[in-house]
Structure formats: structure tokens, C-alpha cells
PDB file of N, CA and C in Angstrom:
ATOM      1  N   UNK A   1       0.779  -1.174  -0.033  1.00  0.00           N
ATOM      2  CA  UNK A   1      -0.010   0.005   0.014  1.00  0.00           C
ATOM      3  C   UNK A   1       0.913   1.269  -0.025  1.00  0.00           C
ATOM      4  N   UNK A   2       1.946   1.292   0.665  1.00  0.00           N
ATOM      5  CA  UNK A   2       2.854   2.425   0.719  1.00  0.00           C
ATOM      6  C   UNK A   2       3.450   2.690  -0.636  1.00  0.00           C
ATOM      7  N   UNK A   3       3.716   1.682  -1.411  1.00  0.00           N
ATOM      8  CA  UNK A   3       4.228   1.917  -2.756  1.00  0.00           C
ATOM      9  C   UNK A   3       3.273   2.591  -3.621  1.00  0.00           C
ATOM     10  N   UNK A   4       1.995   2.345  -3.517  1.00  0.00           N
ATOM     11  CA  UNK A   4       1.015   3.006  -4.314  1.00  0.00           C
ATOM     12  C   UNK A   4       0.875   4.498  -3.920  1.00  0.00           C
ATOM     13  N   UNK A   5       0.921   4.710  -2.637  1.00  0.00           N
ATOM     14  CA  UNK A   5       0.879   6.109  -2.203  1.00  0.00           C
ATOM     15  C   UNK A   5       2.099   6.929  -2.693  1.00  0.00           C
ATOM     16  N   UNK A   6       3.290   6.265  -2.693  1.00  0.00           N
ATOM     17  CA  UNK A   6       4.471   6.913  -3.210  1.00  0.00           C
ATOM     18  C   UNK A   6       4.372   7.153  -4.713  1.00  0.00           C
ATOM     19  N   UNK A   7       3.873   6.181  -5.397  1.00  0.00           N
ATOM     20  CA  UNK A   7       3.712   6.230  -6.894  1.00  0.00           C
ATOM     21  C   UNK A   7       2.779   7.417  -7.216  1.00  0.00           C
ATOM     22  N   UNK A   8       1.592   7.445  -6.499  1.00  0.00           N
ATOM     23  CA  UNK A   8       0.716   8.527  -6.815  1.00  0.00           C
ATOM     24  C   UNK A   8       1.243   9.918  -6.465  1.00  0.00           C
ATOM     25  N   UNK A   9       2.036  10.016  -5.398  1.00  0.00           N
ATOM     26  CA  UNK A   9       2.684  11.304  -5.033  1.00  0.00           C
ATOM     27  C   UNK A   9       3.571  11.697  -6.134  1.00  0.00           C
ATOM     28  N   UNK A  10       4.475  10.755  -6.638  1.00  0.00           N
ATOM     29  CA  UNK A  10       5.408  11.045  -7.656  1.00  0.00           C
ATOM     30  C   UNK A  10       4.702  11.454  -8.985  1.00  0.00           C
ATOM     31  N   UNK A  11       3.592  10.759  -9.377  1.00  0.00           N
ATOM     32  CA  UNK A  11       2.885  11.077 -10.583  1.00  0.00           C
ATOM     33  C   UNK A  11       2.220  12.459 -10.509  1.00  0.00           C
ATOM     34  N   UNK A  12       1.666  12.796  -9.302  1.00  0.00           N
ATOM     35  CA  UNK A  12       1.025  14.089  -9.131  1.00  0.00           C
ATOM     36  C   UNK A  12       1.988  15.315  -9.042  1.00  0.00           C
ATOM     37  N   UNK A  13       3.259  14.965  -8.745  1.00  0.00           N
ATOM     38  CA  UNK A  13       4.220  16.122  -8.454  1.00  0.00           C
ATOM     39  C   UNK A  13       4.304  17.074  -9.620  1.00  0.00           C
ATOM     40  N   UNK A  14       4.386  16.656 -10.872  1.00  0.00           N
ATOM     41  CA  UNK A  14       4.532  17.559 -11.978  1.00  0.00           C
ATOM     42  C   UNK A  14       3.264  18.465 -12.176  1.00  0.00           C
ATOM     43  N   UNK A  15       2.208  17.983 -11.657  1.00  0.00           N
ATOM     44  CA  UNK A  15       0.876  18.742 -11.834  1.00  0.00           C
ATOM     45  C   UNK A  15       0.659  19.813 -10.843  1.00  0.00           C
ATOM     46  N   UNK A  16       1.472  19.900  -9.841  1.00  0.00           N
ATOM     47  CA  UNK A  16       1.303  20.869  -8.777  1.00  0.00           C
ATOM     48  C   UNK A  16       1.488  22.221  -9.347  1.00  0.00           C
ATOM     49  N   UNK A  17       0.640  23.204  -9.001  1.00  0.00           N
ATOM     50  CA  UNK A  17       0.766  24.560  -9.481  1.00  0.00           C
ATOM     51  C   UNK A  17       1.887  25.213  -8.689  1.00  0.00           C
ATOM     52  N   UNK A  18       2.799  25.875  -9.321  1.00  0.00           N
ATOM     53  CA  UNK A  18       3.825  26.622  -8.572  1.00  0.00           C
ATOM     54  C   UNK A  18       3.446  28.038  -8.529  1.00  0.00           C
ATOM     55  N   UNK A  19       3.780  28.686  -7.444  1.00  0.00           N
ATOM     56  CA  UNK A  19       3.524  30.121  -7.268  1.00  0.00           C
ATOM     57  C   UNK A  19       4.429  30.891  -8.148  1.00  0.00           C
ATOM     58  N   UNK A  20       3.957  31.973  -8.752  1.00  0.00           N
ATOM     59  CA  UNK A  20       4.776  32.827  -9.593  1.00  0.00           C
ATOM     60  C   UNK A  20       5.830  33.516  -8.759  1.00  0.00           C
ATOM     61  N   UNK A  21       6.880  33.971  -9.368  1.00  0.00           N
ATOM     62  CA  UNK A  21       7.878  34.691  -8.521  1.00  0.00           C
ATOM     63  C   UNK A  21       7.331  35.825  -7.863  1.00  0.00           C
ATOM     64  N   UNK A  22       7.807  36.176  -6.686  1.00  0.00           N
ATOM     65  CA  UNK A  22       7.325  37.300  -5.981  1.00  0.00           C
ATOM     66  C   UNK A  22       7.736  38.616  -6.643  1.00  0.00           C
ATOM     67  N   UNK A  23       6.696  39.376  -7.093  1.00  0.00           N
ATOM     68  CA  UNK A  23       6.999  40.679  -7.785  1.00  0.00           C
ATOM     69  C   UNK A  23       7.565  41.739  -6.716  1.00  0.00           C
ATOM     70  N   UNK A  24       8.254  42.700  -7.282  1.00  0.00           N
ATOM     71  CA  UNK A  24       8.662  43.785  -6.487  1.00  0.00           C
ATOM     72  C   UNK A  24       7.391  44.580  -6.046  1.00  0.00           C
ATOM     73  N   UNK A  25       7.283  44.861  -4.777  1.00  0.00           N
ATOM     74  CA  UNK A  25       6.097  45.512  -4.269  1.00  0.00           C
ATOM     75  C   UNK A  25       5.944  46.879  -4.829  1.00  0.00           C
ATOM     76  N   UNK A  26       4.694  47.076  -5.365  1.00  0.00           N
ATOM     77  CA  UNK A  26       4.427  48.384  -5.904  1.00  0.00           C
ATOM     78  C   UNK A  26       5.082  48.827  -7.169  1.00  0.00           C
ATOM     79  N   UNK A  27       5.661  47.855  -7.926  1.00  0.00           N
ATOM     80  CA  UNK A  27       6.309  48.291  -9.186  1.00  0.00           C
ATOM     81  C   UNK A  27       5.281  48.701 -10.156  1.00  0.00           C
ATOM     82  N   UNK A  28       5.734  49.465 -11.137  1.00  0.00           N
ATOM     83  CA  UNK A  28       4.886  49.932 -12.250  1.00  0.00           C
ATOM     84  C   UNK A  28       4.242  48.823 -12.919  1.00  0.00           C
ATOM     85  N   UNK A  29       4.960  47.746 -13.186  1.00  0.00           N
ATOM     86  CA  UNK A  29       4.433  46.657 -13.951  1.00  0.00           C
ATOM     87  C   UNK A  29       3.312  45.926 -13.154  1.00  0.00           C
ATOM     88  N   UNK A  30       3.511  45.753 -11.798  1.00  0.00           N
ATOM     89  CA  UNK A  30       2.478  45.150 -10.988  1.00  0.00           C
ATOM     90  C   UNK A  30       1.244  46.042 -10.889  1.00  0.00           C
ATOM     91  N   UNK A  31       1.402  47.373 -10.863  1.00  0.00           N
ATOM     92  CA  UNK A  31       0.290  48.280 -10.723  1.00  0.00           C
ATOM     93  C   UNK A  31      -0.530  48.167 -12.060  1.00  0.00           C
ATOM     94  N   UNK A  32       0.179  48.132 -13.147  1.00  0.00           N
ATOM     95  CA  UNK A  32      -0.513  48.099 -14.436  1.00  0.00           C
ATOM     96  C   UNK A  32      -1.298  46.732 -14.588  1.00  0.00           C
ATOM     97  N   UNK A  33      -0.659  45.568 -14.193  1.00  0.00           N
ATOM     98  CA  UNK A  33      -1.307  44.314 -14.283  1.00  0.00           C
ATOM     99  C   UNK A  33      -2.531  44.255 -13.408  1.00  0.00           C
ATOM    100  N   UNK A  34      -2.417  44.795 -12.249  1.00  0.00           N
ATOM    101  CA  UNK A  34      -3.563  44.840 -11.264  1.00  0.00           C
ATOM    102  C   UNK A  34      -4.651  45.699 -11.792  1.00  0.00           C
ATOM    103  N   UNK A  35      -4.393  46.794 -12.414  1.00  0.00           N
ATOM    104  CA  UNK A  35      -5.427  47.714 -12.941  1.00  0.00           C
ATOM    105  C   UNK A  35      -6.108  47.060 -14.088  1.00  0.00           C
ATOM    106  N   UNK A  36      -5.430  46.104 -14.813  1.00  0.00           N
ATOM    107  CA  UNK A  36      -6.094  45.467 -15.980  1.00  0.00           C
ATOM    108  C   UNK A  36      -6.748  44.130 -15.499  1.00  0.00           C
ATOM    109  N   UNK A  37      -6.566  43.726 -14.238  1.00  0.00           N
ATOM    110  CA  UNK A  37      -7.082  42.464 -13.757  1.00  0.00           C
ATOM    111  C   UNK A  37      -6.341  41.301 -14.258  1.00  0.00           C
ATOM    112  N   UNK A  38      -5.059  41.422 -14.459  1.00  0.00           N
ATOM    113  CA  UNK A  38      -4.275  40.310 -15.082  1.00  0.00           C
ATOM    114  C   UNK A  38      -3.368  39.704 -14.023  1.00  0.00           C
ATOM    115  N   UNK A  39      -2.929  38.500 -14.233  1.00  0.00           N
ATOM    116  CA  UNK A  39      -2.118  37.793 -13.291  1.00  0.00           C
ATOM    117  C   UNK A  39      -0.637  38.304 -13.547  1.00  0.00           C
ATOM    118  N   UNK A  40       0.343  37.872 -12.631  1.00  0.00           N
ATOM    119  CA  UNK A  40       1.748  38.428 -12.745  1.00  0.00           C
ATOM    120  C   UNK A  40       2.394  38.269 -14.031  1.00  0.00           C
ATOM    121  N   UNK A  41       1.917  37.470 -14.962  1.00  0.00           N
ATOM    122  CA  UNK A  41       2.487  37.260 -16.245  1.00  0.00           C
ATOM    123  C   UNK A  41       1.675  37.943 -17.364  1.00  0.00           C
ATOM    124  N   UNK A  42       0.595  38.727 -17.033  1.00  0.00           N
ATOM    125  CA  UNK A  42      -0.138  39.465 -17.986  1.00  0.00           C
ATOM    126  C   UNK A  42      -1.196  38.725 -18.637  1.00  0.00           C
ATOM    127  N   UNK A  43      -1.591  37.565 -18.034  1.00  0.00           N
ATOM    128  CA  UNK A  43      -2.737  36.748 -18.627  1.00  0.00           C
ATOM    129  C   UNK A  43      -3.923  36.754 -17.713  1.00  0.00           C
ATOM    130  N   UNK A  44      -5.011  36.166 -18.132  1.00  0.00           N
ATOM    131  CA  UNK A  44      -6.162  36.103 -17.300  1.00  0.00           C
ATOM    132  C   UNK A  44      -5.747  35.419 -15.943  1.00  0.00           C
ATOM    133  N   UNK A  45      -6.397  35.701 -14.857  1.00  0.00           N
ATOM    134  CA  UNK A  45      -6.068  35.245 -13.600  1.00  0.00           C
ATOM    135  C   UNK A  45      -6.222  33.695 -13.402  1.00  0.00           C
ATOM    136  N   UNK A  46      -7.053  33.115 -14.253  1.00  0.00           N
ATOM    137  CA  UNK A  46      -7.212  31.639 -14.069  1.00  0.00           C
ATOM    138  C   UNK A  46      -6.302  30.847 -15.046  1.00  0.00           C
ATOM    139  N   UNK A  47      -5.356  31.534 -15.681  1.00  0.00           N
ATOM    140  CA  UNK A  47      -4.448  30.825 -16.621  1.00  0.00           C
ATOM    141  C   UNK A  47      -3.487  29.865 -15.872  1.00  0.00           C
ATOM    142  N   UNK A  48      -3.449  28.645 -16.373  1.00  0.00           N
ATOM    143  CA  UNK A  48      -2.415  27.719 -15.839  1.00  0.00           C
ATOM    144  C   UNK A  48      -1.380  27.432 -16.833  1.00  0.00           C
ATOM    145  N   UNK A  49      -0.117  27.180 -16.293  1.00  0.00           N
ATOM    146  CA  UNK A  49       1.039  27.006 -17.174  1.00  0.00           C
ATOM    147  C   UNK A  49       1.695  25.666 -16.966  1.00  0.00           C
ATOM    148  N   UNK A  50       2.096  25.052 -18.110  1.00  0.00           N
ATOM    149  CA  UNK A  50       2.849  23.803 -17.940  1.00  0.00           C
ATOM    150  C   UNK A  50       4.174  24.095 -17.283  1.00  0.00           C
ATOM    151  N   UNK A  51       4.526  23.380 -16.297  1.00  0.00           N
ATOM    152  CA  UNK A  51       5.750  23.677 -15.519  1.00  0.00           C
ATOM    153  C   UNK A  51       5.589  24.745 -14.571  1.00  0.00           C
ATOM    154  N   UNK A  52       4.465  25.394 -14.445  1.00  0.00           N
ATOM    155  CA  UNK A  52       4.134  26.422 -13.450  1.00  0.00           C
ATOM    156  C   UNK A  52       4.478  27.853 -13.808  1.00  0.00           C
ATOM    157  N   UNK A  53       5.161  28.083 -14.875  1.00  0.00           N
ATOM    158  CA  UNK A  53       5.502  29.424 -15.347  1.00  0.00           C
ATOM    159  C   UNK A  53       5.679  29.508 -16.890  1.00  0.00           C
ATOM    160  N   UNK A  54       5.267  30.640 -17.459  1.00  0.00           N
ATOM    161  CA  UNK A  54       5.458  30.760 -18.906  1.00  0.00           C
ATOM    162  C   UNK A  54       6.972  31.302 -19.174  1.00  0.00           C
ATOM    163  N   UNK A  55       7.671  31.512 -18.131  1.00  0.00           N
ATOM    164  CA  UNK A  55       8.992  32.124 -18.297  1.00  0.00           C
ATOM    165  C   UNK A  55      10.068  31.162 -18.688  1.00  0.00           C
ATOM    166  N   UNK A  56       9.836  29.897 -18.474  1.00  0.00           N
ATOM    167  CA  UNK A  56      10.800  28.844 -18.753  1.00  0.00           C
ATOM    168  C   UNK A  56      10.444  28.088 -19.965  1.00  0.00           C
ATOM    169  N   UNK A  57      11.320  28.016 -20.974  1.00  0.00           N
ATOM    170  CA  UNK A  57      11.133  27.208 -22.274  1.00  0.00           C
ATOM    171  C   UNK A  57      11.713  25.868 -22.040  1.00  0.00           C
ATOM    172  N   UNK A  58      10.888  24.851 -21.797  1.00  0.00           N
ATOM    173  CA  UNK A  58      11.385  23.470 -21.604  1.00  0.00           C
ATOM    174  C   UNK A  58      12.146  22.999 -22.784  1.00  0.00           C
ATOM    175  N   UNK A  59      11.853  23.428 -23.968  1.00  0.00           N
ATOM    176  CA  UNK A  59      12.572  22.942 -25.162  1.00  0.00           C
ATOM    177  C   UNK A  59      14.017  23.390 -25.233  1.00  0.00           C
ATOM    178  N   UNK A  60      14.244  24.644 -24.827  1.00  0.00           N
ATOM    179  CA  UNK A  60      15.569  25.249 -24.945  1.00  0.00           C
ATOM    180  C   UNK A  60      16.299  25.311 -23.586  1.00  0.00           C
ATOM    181  N   UNK A  61      15.594  25.151 -22.479  1.00  0.00           N
ATOM    182  CA  UNK A  61      16.103  25.197 -21.145  1.00  0.00           C
ATOM    183  C   UNK A  61      16.421  26.650 -20.676  1.00  0.00           C
ATOM    184  N   UNK A  62      15.886  27.594 -21.390  1.00  0.00           N
ATOM    185  CA  UNK A  62      16.150  29.035 -21.106  1.00  0.00           C
ATOM    186  C   UNK A  62      14.890  29.737 -20.478  1.00  0.00           C
ATOM    187  N   UNK A  63      15.251  30.637 -19.637  1.00  0.00           N
ATOM    188  CA  UNK A  63      14.197  31.472 -19.013  1.00  0.00           C
ATOM    189  C   UNK A  63      14.382  32.914 -19.481  1.00  0.00           C
ATOM    190  N   UNK A  64      13.319  33.579 -19.462  1.00  0.00           N
ATOM    191  CA  UNK A  64      13.292  35.049 -19.799  1.00  0.00           C
ATOM    192  C   UNK A  64      12.737  35.810 -18.537  1.00  0.00           C
ATOM    193  N   UNK A  65      13.294  37.087 -18.426  1.00  0.00           N
ATOM    194  CA  UNK A  65      12.759  37.844 -17.346  1.00  0.00           C
ATOM    195  C   UNK A  65      11.267  38.164 -17.470  1.00  0.00           C
ATOM    196  N   UNK A  66      10.575  38.195 -16.289  1.00  0.00           N
ATOM    197  CA  UNK A  66       9.102  38.430 -16.339  1.00  0.00           C
ATOM    198  C   UNK A  66       8.746  39.755 -17.066  1.00  0.00           C
ATOM    199  N   UNK A  67       9.534  40.806 -16.799  1.00  0.00           N
ATOM    200  CA  UNK A  67       9.279  42.076 -17.532  1.00  0.00           C
ATOM    201  C   UNK A  67       9.329  41.914 -19.034  1.00  0.00           C
ATOM    202  N   UNK A  68      10.315  41.235 -19.501  1.00  0.00           N
ATOM    203  CA  UNK A  68      10.467  41.094 -20.963  1.00  0.00           C
ATOM    204  C   UNK A  68       9.262  40.350 -21.538  1.00  0.00           C
ATOM    205  N   UNK A  69       8.909  39.272 -20.794  1.00  0.00           N
ATOM    206  CA  UNK A  69       7.711  38.483 -21.299  1.00  0.00           C
ATOM    207  C   UNK A  69       6.450  39.313 -21.341  1.00  0.00           C
ATOM    208  N   UNK A  70       6.143  40.068 -20.233  1.00  0.00           N
ATOM    209  CA  UNK A  70       4.959  40.864 -20.200  1.00  0.00           C
ATOM    210  C   UNK A  70       5.012  42.007 -21.237  1.00  0.00           C
ATOM    211  N   UNK A  71       6.127  42.720 -21.262  1.00  0.00           N
ATOM    212  CA  UNK A  71       6.198  43.871 -22.132  1.00  0.00           C
ATOM    213  C   UNK A  71       6.103  43.467 -23.592  1.00  0.00           C
ATOM    214  N   UNK A  72       6.627  42.288 -23.913  1.00  0.00           N
ATOM    215  CA  UNK A  72       6.497  41.850 -25.418  1.00  0.00           C
ATOM    216  C   UNK A  72       5.085  41.477 -25.707  1.00  0.00           C
ATOM    217  N   UNK A  73       4.258  41.165 -24.780  1.00  0.00           N
ATOM    218  CA  UNK A  73       2.872  40.795 -25.039  1.00  0.00           C
ATOM    219  C   UNK A  73       1.941  41.980 -24.800  1.00  0.00           C
ATOM    220  N   UNK A  74       2.353  42.954 -24.014  1.00  0.00           N
ATOM    221  CA  UNK A  74       1.571  44.148 -23.710  1.00  0.00           C
ATOM    222  C   UNK A  74       2.380  45.416 -23.904  1.00  0.00           C
ATOM    223  N   UNK A  75       2.513  45.864 -25.105  1.00  0.00           N
ATOM    224  CA  UNK A  75       3.340  47.069 -25.316  1.00  0.00           C
ATOM    225  C   UNK A  75       2.809  48.335 -24.659  1.00  0.00           C
ATOM    226  N   UNK A  76       1.456  48.330 -24.448  1.00  0.00           N
ATOM    227  CA  UNK A  76       0.867  49.487 -23.749  1.00  0.00           C
ATOM    228  C   UNK A  76       1.439  49.555 -22.311  1.00  0.00           C
ATOM    229  N   UNK A  77       1.607  48.451 -21.659  1.00  0.00           N
ATOM    230  CA  UNK A  77       2.193  48.427 -20.297  1.00  0.00           C
ATOM    231  C   UNK A  77       3.665  48.834 -20.402  1.00  0.00           C
ATOM    232  N   UNK A  78       4.388  48.404 -21.336  1.00  0.00           N
ATOM    233  CA  UNK A  78       5.797  48.800 -21.540  1.00  0.00           C
ATOM    234  C   UNK A  78       5.859  50.308 -21.646  1.00  0.00           C
ATOM    235  N   UNK A  79       4.993  50.901 -22.504  1.00  0.00           N
ATOM    236  CA  UNK A  79       5.016  52.382 -22.689  1.00  0.00           C
ATOM    237  C   UNK A  79       4.655  53.051 -21.395  1.00  0.00           C
ATOM    238  N   UNK A  80       3.662  52.579 -20.751  1.00  0.00           N
ATOM    239  CA  UNK A  80       3.195  53.247 -19.445  1.00  0.00           C
ATOM    240  C   UNK A  80       4.414  53.244 -18.351  1.00  0.00           C
ATOM    241  N   UNK A  81       5.030  52.090 -18.339  1.00  0.00           N
ATOM    242  CA  UNK A  81       6.125  51.968 -17.326  1.00  0.00           C
ATOM    243  C   UNK A  81       7.410  52.715 -17.722  1.00  0.00           C
ATOM    244  N   UNK A  82       7.562  52.868 -18.991  1.00  0.00           N
ATOM    245  CA  UNK A  82       8.713  53.639 -19.494  1.00  0.00           C
ATOM    246  C   UNK A  82       8.495  55.117 -19.183  1.00  0.00           C
ATOM    247  N   UNK A  83       7.281  55.556 -19.323  1.00  0.00           N
ATOM    248  CA  UNK A  83       6.879  56.926 -18.977  1.00  0.00           C
ATOM    249  C   UNK A  83       6.977  57.210 -17.461  1.00  0.00           C
ATOM    250  N   UNK A  84       6.636  56.169 -16.753  1.00  0.00           N
ATOM    251  CA  UNK A  84       6.770  56.244 -15.302  1.00  0.00           C
ATOM    252  C   UNK A  84       8.188  56.331 -14.784  1.00  0.00           C
ATOM    253  N   UNK A  85       9.140  55.735 -15.563  1.00  0.00           N
ATOM    254  CA  UNK A  85      10.524  55.783 -15.145  1.00  0.00           C
ATOM    255  C   UNK A  85      11.115  57.123 -15.274  1.00  0.00           C
ATOM    256  N   UNK A  86      10.623  57.970 -16.156  1.00  0.00           N
ATOM    257  CA  UNK A  86      11.139  59.322 -16.304  1.00  0.00           C
ATOM    258  C   UNK A  86      12.436  59.295 -17.193  1.00  0.00           C
ATOM    259  N   UNK A  87      13.043  60.495 -17.285  1.00  0.00           N
ATOM    260  CA  UNK A  87      14.227  60.603 -18.146  1.00  0.00           C
ATOM    261  C   UNK A  87      15.443  59.914 -17.507  1.00  0.00           C
TER     262      UNK A  87
END
């Protein structure tokens, strides 16, 4: 019986949802996402990701910064945050 419990735990492990990386408190990006009702990656709040994050490409083994990912998909947020940064 213990073997079955272990097997089930191992099979379920990849399916666990991982928490997104903790964003910088009060950053422009986070304020813009919250105002639009989007999750930390700029998608609908109920969006699920294979591997727990859209920032990691399992095919290449590379990750991209969250800001780059969001700004590439939401240029209006990139513009707003660039204007927020000032000269």
C-alpha cells in the first residue's frame, strides 16, 4: 500500500501549481497588471502554465525575465512603465 501512495505522489508532483515569482512590491508593472485584472504574467487570472510558469522554455532550457515576457505581449504596459521611469 505504501508503494501505491508513493507512486501517486510522484505522478502528481509535476501537476502541482507553482507560485509565480514574488514581484517587487508596488512596481509599475504590478500596478498596471492589477489595474487590468491580469495575473503576474499578463494573462487572465485563471491561466495555468505547464511547468508552473510561462517564463521557462522547456525545449531550450532558457528562462526570460518576467518584465520582458509581459512587455513583449503588452506594449501598452511597456510604454506606461517607460513613461513612469522618467528621463
